[in-house]
Amino acid sequence: MRKRLDSDVRRGQIAEAALKLVVSEGISALTVKNIARQVGVTPPALYRHYAGKTEILAAVVEHISGVYAESRRRVFREAAGPVARLRGLFFSQVRLFERHPAVPVFFYSDLLWREEPSLGERFKRHLEEFADEVSAVIRRGQDEGGIRADEPPERLFVAFLGLFSTLGILAGRGLCHVDMAAQAETNWKIFETYITAADAPSGRAGRERNNCEVVP
């Protein structure tokens, strides 16, 4: 007789199972039957936790977003200074993609944005929170003089997002023979060199509307 697992543990198991399916069989394999098989329960048992596929996918979004949030909190506790925080945030995302290569593929898939738009909206809210936090770090760095001030923080955020999002998608899809660890080091060096350039033009660029809806 199976032990009744704590609901948080079960949600985590289901999210992990769904992501493994994306890697091994693709987005189309995300069915209740296949997820139940991956978790090791029957479909009726899975329905005791979730009403259907949409709720399961919502749990995946919330689970991964929670992992993101905890990672960001840890970086903010441990890293001193805006550039160090940006570096910590960047490499924490890369490590997450190394552990879960399906994450970027899932979050930028048509499944989330076309077939399940309500879930896309959930992810959008999490992305906007992330944009606000990172933009605040960049703005502080500009105020302190450690980050170039001629670019709007929101624009630098989108460049920052692209550093790991595109890398994660390429690696998750097995494209370009990407060595994620090595490429991440290169991406970060290019970004850090640009934002800390000693010869950057002085002056603060005009504040622009947050454009984090642009998906790199």
C-alpha atoms as a PDB file:
ATOM      1  CA  MET A   1       0.000   0.000   0.000  1.00  0.00           C
ATOM      2  CA  ARG A   2       1.479   3.338  -1.080  1.00  0.00           C
ATOM      3  CA  LYS A   3       2.131   5.904   1.589  1.00  0.00           C
ATOM      4  CA  ARG A   4       0.323   9.158   1.189  1.00  0.00           C
ATOM      5  CA  LEU A   5       3.011  11.698   0.331  1.00  0.00           C
ATOM      6  CA  ASP A   6       3.067  15.285   1.479  1.00  0.00           C
ATOM      7  CA  SER A   7       1.348  17.391  -1.176  1.00  0.00           C
ATOM      8  CA  ASP A   8       4.409  19.588  -1.765  1.00  0.00           C
ATOM      9  CA  VAL A   9       6.575  16.525  -2.318  1.00  0.00           C
ATOM     10  CA  ARG A  10       3.994  15.068  -4.688  1.00  0.00           C
ATOM     11  CA  ARG A  11       3.775  18.320  -6.661  1.00  0.00           C
ATOM     12  CA  GLY A  12       7.526  18.309  -7.006  1.00  0.00           C
ATOM     13  CA  GLN A  13       7.500  14.700  -8.202  1.00  0.00           C
ATOM     14  CA  ILE A  14       4.829  15.419 -10.777  1.00  0.00           C
ATOM     15  CA  ALA A  15       6.679  18.492 -12.048  1.00  0.00           C
ATOM     16  CA  GLU A  16       9.909  16.530 -12.347  1.00  0.00           C
ATOM     17  CA  ALA A  17       8.104  13.722 -14.152  1.00  0.00           C
ATOM     18  CA  ALA A  18       6.551  16.137 -16.637  1.00  0.00           C
ATOM     19  CA  LEU A  19       9.913  17.728 -17.380  1.00  0.00           C
ATOM     20  CA  LYS A  20      11.563  14.329 -17.877  1.00  0.00           C
ATOM     21  CA  LEU A  21       8.861  13.486 -20.396  1.00  0.00           C
ATOM     22  CA  VAL A  22       9.604  16.665 -22.342  1.00  0.00           C
ATOM     23  CA  VAL A  23      13.262  15.635 -22.589  1.00  0.00           C
ATOM     24  CA  SER A  24      12.684  11.996 -23.450  1.00  0.00           C
ATOM     25  CA  GLU A  25       9.528  12.135 -25.582  1.00  0.00           C
ATOM     26  CA  GLY A  26       8.755  15.771 -26.373  1.00  0.00           C
ATOM     27  CA  ILE A  27       6.036  18.276 -25.467  1.00  0.00           C
ATOM     28  CA  SER A  28       3.318  16.157 -27.120  1.00  0.00           C
ATOM     29  CA  ALA A  29       3.970  13.388 -24.564  1.00  0.00           C
ATOM     30  CA  LEU A  30       2.612  15.500 -21.692  1.00  0.00           C
ATOM     31  CA  THR A  31      -0.573  13.544 -21.073  1.00  0.00           C
ATOM     32  CA  VAL A  32      -2.096  12.496 -17.751  1.00  0.00           C
ATOM     33  CA  LYS A  33      -1.488   8.847 -18.610  1.00  0.00           C
ATOM     34  CA  ASN A  34       2.200   9.361 -19.393  1.00  0.00           C
ATOM     35  CA  ILE A  35       2.827  11.602 -16.382  1.00  0.00           C
ATOM     36  CA  ALA A  36       1.148   9.057 -14.087  1.00  0.00           C
ATOM     37  CA  ARG A  37       3.357   6.327 -15.539  1.00  0.00           C
ATOM     38  CA  GLN A  38       6.466   8.451 -14.986  1.00  0.00           C
ATOM     39  CA  VAL A  39       5.489   9.198 -11.366  1.00  0.00           C
ATOM     40  CA  GLY A  40       4.635   5.553 -10.724  1.00  0.00           C
ATOM     41  CA  VAL A  41       0.911   5.879 -10.008  1.00  0.00           C
ATOM     42  CA  THR A  42      -2.284   5.175 -11.898  1.00  0.00           C
ATOM     43  CA  PRO A  43      -4.103   7.984 -13.756  1.00  0.00           C
ATOM     44  CA  PRO A  44      -6.992   7.874 -11.227  1.00  0.00           C
ATOM     45  CA  ALA A  45      -4.463   8.352  -8.413  1.00  0.00           C
ATOM     46  CA  LEU A  46      -3.071  11.396 -10.210  1.00  0.00           C
ATOM     47  CA  TYR A  47      -6.586  12.803 -10.567  1.00  0.00           C
ATOM     48  CA  ARG A  48      -6.829  12.815  -6.772  1.00  0.00           C
ATOM     49  CA  HIS A  49      -4.206  15.558  -6.815  1.00  0.00           C
ATOM     50  CA  TYR A  50      -5.178  17.388  -9.996  1.00  0.00           C
ATOM     51  CA  ALA A  51      -8.358  17.666 -12.030  1.00  0.00           C
ATOM     52  CA  GLY A  52      -6.565  17.284 -15.339  1.00  0.00           C
ATOM     53  CA  LYS A  53      -3.652  18.157 -17.589  1.00  0.00           C
ATOM     54  CA  THR A  54      -4.044  21.927 -17.235  1.00  0.00           C
ATOM     55  CA  GLU A  55      -3.737  21.745 -13.448  1.00  0.00           C
ATOM     56  CA  ILE A  56      -0.707  19.485 -13.771  1.00  0.00           C
ATOM     57  CA  LEU A  57       0.980  21.942 -16.118  1.00  0.00           C
ATOM     58  CA  ALA A  58       0.108  24.780 -13.730  1.00  0.00           C
ATOM     59  CA  ALA A  59       1.863  22.829 -10.987  1.00  0.00           C
ATOM     60  CA  VAL A  60       4.929  22.506 -13.210  1.00  0.00           C
ATOM     61  CA  VAL A  61       4.968  26.279 -13.786  1.00  0.00           C
ATOM     62  CA  GLU A  62       4.603  27.013 -10.079  1.00  0.00           C
ATOM     63  CA  HIS A  63       7.177  24.412  -9.055  1.00  0.00           C
ATOM     64  CA  ILE A  64       9.878  25.663 -11.412  1.00  0.00           C
ATOM     65  CA  SER A  65       9.046  29.299 -10.682  1.00  0.00           C
ATOM     66  CA  GLY A  66       9.444  28.484  -6.984  1.00  0.00           C
ATOM     67  CA  VAL A  67      12.857  26.945  -7.665  1.00  0.00           C
ATOM     68  CA  TYR A  68      13.793  30.125  -9.566  1.00  0.00           C
ATOM     69  CA  ALA A  69      12.630  32.305  -6.681  1.00  0.00           C
ATOM     70  CA  GLU A  70      14.549  30.345  -4.034  1.00  0.00           C
ATOM     71  CA  SER A  71      17.676  30.481  -6.182  1.00  0.00           C
ATOM     72  CA  ARG A  72      17.342  34.263  -6.493  1.00  0.00           C
ATOM     73  CA  ARG A  73      16.891  34.662  -2.730  1.00  0.00           C
ATOM     74  CA  ARG A  74      20.053  32.649  -2.114  1.00  0.00           C
ATOM     75  CA  VAL A  75      22.049  34.792  -4.549  1.00  0.00           C
ATOM     76  CA  PHE A  76      20.775  37.988  -2.933  1.00  0.00           C
ATOM     77  CA  ARG A  77      21.833  36.679   0.484  1.00  0.00           C
ATOM     78  CA  GLU A  78      25.295  35.594  -0.595  1.00  0.00           C
ATOM     79  CA  ALA A  79      26.437  37.987  -3.333  1.00  0.00           C
ATOM     80  CA  ALA A  80      27.724  41.453  -2.494  1.00  0.00           C
ATOM     81  CA  GLY A  81      27.393  44.181  -5.109  1.00  0.00           C
ATOM     82  CA  PRO A  82      25.278  44.485  -8.275  1.00  0.00           C
ATOM     83  CA  VAL A  83      27.709  42.844 -10.734  1.00  0.00           C
ATOM     84  CA  ALA A  84      28.320  39.930  -8.362  1.00  0.00           C
ATOM     85  CA  ARG A  85      24.562  39.493  -7.975  1.00  0.00           C
ATOM     86  CA  LEU A  86      24.030  39.500 -11.730  1.00  0.00           C
ATOM     87  CA  ARG A  87      26.761  36.899 -12.093  1.00  0.00           C
ATOM     88  CA  GLY A  88      25.229  34.766  -9.354  1.00  0.00           C
ATOM     89  CA  LEU A  89      21.768  35.006 -10.906  1.00  0.00           C
ATOM     90  CA  PHE A  90      23.129  34.108 -14.325  1.00  0.00           C
ATOM     91  CA  PHE A  91      25.035  31.017 -13.239  1.00  0.00           C
ATOM     92  CA  SER A  92      22.222  29.846 -10.950  1.00  0.00           C
ATOM     93  CA  GLN A  93      19.945  29.803 -14.017  1.00  0.00           C
ATOM     94  CA  VAL A  94      22.568  27.949 -16.036  1.00  0.00           C
ATOM     95  CA  ARG A  95      22.928  25.305 -13.325  1.00  0.00           C
ATOM     96  CA  LEU A  96      19.153  24.869 -13.256  1.00  0.00           C
ATOM     97  CA  PHE A  97      19.112  24.329 -17.031  1.00  0.00           C
ATOM     98  CA  GLU A  98      21.955  21.830 -16.716  1.00  0.00           C
ATOM     99  CA  ARG A  99      19.911  19.841 -14.181  1.00  0.00           C
ATOM    100  CA  HIS A 100      16.616  20.289 -16.036  1.00  0.00           C
ATOM    101  CA  PRO A 101      17.251  20.794 -19.775  1.00  0.00           C
ATOM    102  CA  ALA A 102      13.508  20.675 -20.485  1.00  0.00           C
ATOM    103  CA  VAL A 103      12.785  23.861 -18.511  1.00  0.00           C
ATOM    104  CA  PRO A 104      13.571  26.445 -21.224  1.00  0.00           C
ATOM    105  CA  VAL A 105      12.016  24.247 -23.917  1.00  0.00           C
ATOM    106  CA  PHE A 106       8.830  23.958 -21.861  1.00  0.00           C
ATOM    107  CA  PHE A 107       8.566  27.613 -20.849  1.00  0.00           C
ATOM    108  CA  TYR A 108       9.039  28.898 -24.400  1.00  0.00           C
ATOM    109  CA  SER A 109       6.886  26.280 -26.110  1.00  0.00           C
ATOM    110  CA  ASP A 110       3.623  26.746 -28.011  1.00  0.00           C
ATOM    111  CA  LEU A 111       2.034  24.438 -25.431  1.00  0.00           C
ATOM    112  CA  LEU A 112       2.362  27.154 -22.831  1.00  0.00           C
ATOM    113  CA  TRP A 113       1.701  30.205 -25.007  1.00  0.00           C
ATOM    114  CA  ARG A 114      -0.924  28.962 -27.480  1.00  0.00           C
ATOM    115  CA  GLU A 115      -2.567  25.805 -26.169  1.00  0.00           C
ATOM    116  CA  GLU A 116      -2.618  26.832 -22.481  1.00  0.00           C
ATOM    117  CA  PRO A 117      -2.558  30.670 -22.540  1.00  0.00           C
ATOM    118  CA  SER A 118      -3.628  30.967 -18.904  1.00  0.00           C
ATOM    119  CA  LEU A 119      -0.412  29.173 -17.965  1.00  0.00           C
ATOM    120  CA  GLY A 120       1.553  31.461 -20.226  1.00  0.00           C
ATOM    121  CA  GLU A 121       0.104  34.358 -18.265  1.00  0.00           C
ATOM    122  CA  ARG A 122       1.305  32.781 -15.015  1.00  0.00           C
ATOM    123  CA  PHE A 123       4.809  32.449 -16.380  1.00  0.00           C
ATOM    124  CA  LYS A 124       4.617  36.004 -17.698  1.00  0.00           C
ATOM    125  CA  ARG A 125       3.894  37.280 -14.174  1.00  0.00           C
ATOM    126  CA  HIS A 126       6.879  35.389 -12.788  1.00  0.00           C
ATOM    127  CA  LEU A 127       9.041  36.754 -15.599  1.00  0.00           C
ATOM    128  CA  GLU A 128       7.884  40.293 -14.832  1.00  0.00           C
ATOM    129  CA  GLU A 129       8.836  39.836 -11.167  1.00  0.00           C
ATOM    130  CA  PHE A 130      12.248  38.602 -12.249  1.00  0.00           C
ATOM    131  CA  ALA A 131      12.584  41.582 -14.608  1.00  0.00           C
ATOM    132  CA  ASP A 132      11.778  44.005 -11.792  1.00  0.00           C
ATOM    133  CA  GLU A 133      14.313  42.414  -9.443  1.00  0.00           C
ATOM    134  CA  VAL A 134      17.138  42.282 -11.983  1.00  0.00           C
ATOM    135  CA  SER A 135      16.408  45.778 -13.296  1.00  0.00           C
ATOM    136  CA  ALA A 136      16.631  47.069  -9.712  1.00  0.00           C
ATOM    137  CA  VAL A 137      20.049  45.417  -9.336  1.00  0.00           C
ATOM    138  CA  ILE A 138      21.214  46.999 -12.593  1.00  0.00           C
ATOM    139  CA  ARG A 139      19.846  50.410 -11.594  1.00  0.00           C
ATOM    140  CA  ARG A 140      21.697  50.236  -8.282  1.00  0.00           C
ATOM    141  CA  GLY A 141      24.899  49.390 -10.149  1.00  0.00           C
ATOM    142  CA  GLN A 142      24.374  52.372 -12.420  1.00  0.00           C
ATOM    143  CA  ASP A 143      23.780  54.661  -9.456  1.00  0.00           C
ATOM    144  CA  GLU A 144      26.981  53.412  -7.799  1.00  0.00           C
ATOM    145  CA  GLY A 145      29.006  53.770 -10.997  1.00  0.00           C
ATOM    146  CA  GLY A 146      29.848  50.094 -11.486  1.00  0.00           C
ATOM    147  CA  ILE A 147      27.488  49.505 -14.433  1.00  0.00           C
ATOM    148  CA  ARG A 148      27.292  51.679 -17.520  1.00  0.00           C
ATOM    149  CA  ALA A 149      24.491  54.210 -17.248  1.00  0.00           C
ATOM    150  CA  ASP A 150      23.849  54.937 -20.931  1.00  0.00           C
ATOM    151  CA  GLU A 151      21.551  51.919 -21.344  1.00  0.00           C
ATOM    152  CA  PRO A 152      18.107  51.616 -19.685  1.00  0.00           C
ATOM    153  CA  PRO A 153      18.072  48.906 -16.978  1.00  0.00           C
ATOM    154  CA  GLU A 154      15.118  47.233 -18.709  1.00  0.00           C
ATOM    155  CA  ARG A 155      17.074  46.883 -21.946  1.00  0.00           C
ATOM    156  CA  LEU A 156      20.084  45.441 -20.156  1.00  0.00           C
ATOM    157  CA  PHE A 157      17.720  42.993 -18.456  1.00  0.00           C
ATOM    158  CA  VAL A 158      16.515  41.631 -21.808  1.00  0.00           C
ATOM    159  CA  ALA A 159      20.142  41.207 -22.902  1.00  0.00           C
ATOM    160  CA  PHE A 160      20.805  39.425 -19.601  1.00  0.00           C
ATOM    161  CA  LEU A 161      17.776  37.170 -20.080  1.00  0.00           C
ATOM    162  CA  GLY A 162      18.967  36.221 -23.539  1.00  0.00           C
ATOM    163  CA  LEU A 163      22.340  35.124 -22.165  1.00  0.00           C
ATOM    164  CA  PHE A 164      20.878  32.001 -20.587  1.00  0.00           C
ATOM    165  CA  SER A 165      17.455  31.598 -22.240  1.00  0.00           C
ATOM    166  CA  THR A 166      18.845  31.115 -25.743  1.00  0.00           C
ATOM    167  CA  LEU A 167      21.665  28.973 -24.396  1.00  0.00           C
ATOM    168  CA  GLY A 168      19.172  26.793 -22.532  1.00  0.00           C
ATOM    169  CA  ILE A 169      16.958  26.335 -25.582  1.00  0.00           C
ATOM    170  CA  LEU A 170      19.902  25.420 -27.829  1.00  0.00           C
ATOM    171  CA  ALA A 171      21.239  22.938 -25.278  1.00  0.00           C
ATOM    172  CA  GLY A 172      17.769  21.560 -24.509  1.00  0.00           C
ATOM    173  CA  ARG A 173      17.162  20.943 -28.208  1.00  0.00           C
ATOM    174  CA  GLY A 174      20.636  19.506 -28.762  1.00  0.00           C
ATOM    175  CA  LEU A 175      21.514  22.226 -31.280  1.00  0.00           C
ATOM    176  CA  CYS A 176      24.911  23.680 -32.225  1.00  0.00           C
ATOM    177  CA  HIS A 177      26.769  21.083 -30.109  1.00  0.00           C
ATOM    178  CA  VAL A 178      26.521  23.469 -27.158  1.00  0.00           C
ATOM    179  CA  ASP A 179      28.801  22.864 -24.189  1.00  0.00           C
ATOM    180  CA  MET A 180      26.599  24.707 -21.709  1.00  0.00           C
ATOM    181  CA  ALA A 181      29.219  25.264 -19.018  1.00  0.00           C
ATOM    182  CA  ALA A 182      31.862  26.562 -21.414  1.00  0.00           C
ATOM    183  CA  GLN A 183      29.424  28.676 -23.405  1.00  0.00           C
ATOM    184  CA  ALA A 184      27.979  30.157 -20.214  1.00  0.00           C
ATOM    185  CA  GLU A 185      31.436  31.398 -19.228  1.00  0.00           C
ATOM    186  CA  THR A 186      31.848  33.035 -22.643  1.00  0.00           C
ATOM    187  CA  ASN A 187      28.379  34.609 -22.543  1.00  0.00           C
ATOM    188  CA  TRP A 188      28.979  36.048 -19.108  1.00  0.00           C
ATOM    189  CA  LYS A 189      32.411  37.478 -20.004  1.00  0.00           C
ATOM    190  CA  ILE A 190      30.927  39.277 -23.022  1.00  0.00           C
ATOM    191  CA  PHE A 191      28.064  40.709 -20.964  1.00  0.00           C
ATOM    192  CA  GLU A 192      30.222  41.707 -17.996  1.00  0.00           C
ATOM    193  CA  THR A 193      32.774  43.384 -20.271  1.00  0.00           C
ATOM    194  CA  TYR A 194      30.019  45.426 -21.882  1.00  0.00           C
ATOM    195  CA  ILE A 195      28.175  46.542 -18.758  1.00  0.00           C
ATOM    196  CA  THR A 196      31.372  47.466 -16.873  1.00  0.00           C
ATOM    197  CA  ALA A 197      33.178  49.115 -19.787  1.00  0.00           C
ATOM    198  CA  ALA A 198      35.345  51.921 -18.440  1.00  0.00           C
ATOM    199  CA  ASP A 199      34.955  53.938 -21.650  1.00  0.00           C
ATOM    200  CA  ALA A 200      31.131  53.740 -21.717  1.00  0.00           C
ATOM    201  CA  PRO A 201      29.428  57.056 -22.563  1.00  0.00           C
ATOM    202  CA  SER A 202      28.421  58.993 -19.482  1.00  0.00           C
ATOM    203  CA  GLY A 203      24.825  59.965 -18.699  1.00  0.00           C
ATOM    204  CA  ARG A 204      21.672  58.017 -17.979  1.00  0.00           C
ATOM    205  CA  ALA A 205      19.515  56.838 -20.863  1.00  0.00           C
ATOM    206  CA  GLY A 206      15.834  57.714 -20.674  1.00  0.00           C
ATOM    207  CA  ARG A 207      13.692  55.271 -18.754  1.00  0.00           C
ATOM    208  CA  GLU A 208      11.751  52.980 -21.068  1.00  0.00           C
ATOM    209  CA  ARG A 209       8.697  50.853 -20.614  1.00  0.00           C
ATOM    210  CA  ASN A 210       9.566  47.399 -19.312  1.00  0.00           C
ATOM    211  CA  ASN A 211       9.904  45.235 -22.402  1.00  0.00           C
ATOM    212  CA  CYS A 212      10.277  41.840 -20.745  1.00  0.00           C
ATOM    213  CA  GLU A 213       7.469  40.500 -22.914  1.00  0.00           C
ATOM    214  CA  VAL A 214      10.014  40.212 -25.699  1.00  0.00           C
ATOM    215  CA  VAL A 215      11.093  36.574 -25.722  1.00  0.00           C
ATOM    216  CA  PRO A 216      14.715  36.126 -26.812  1.00  0.00           C
END
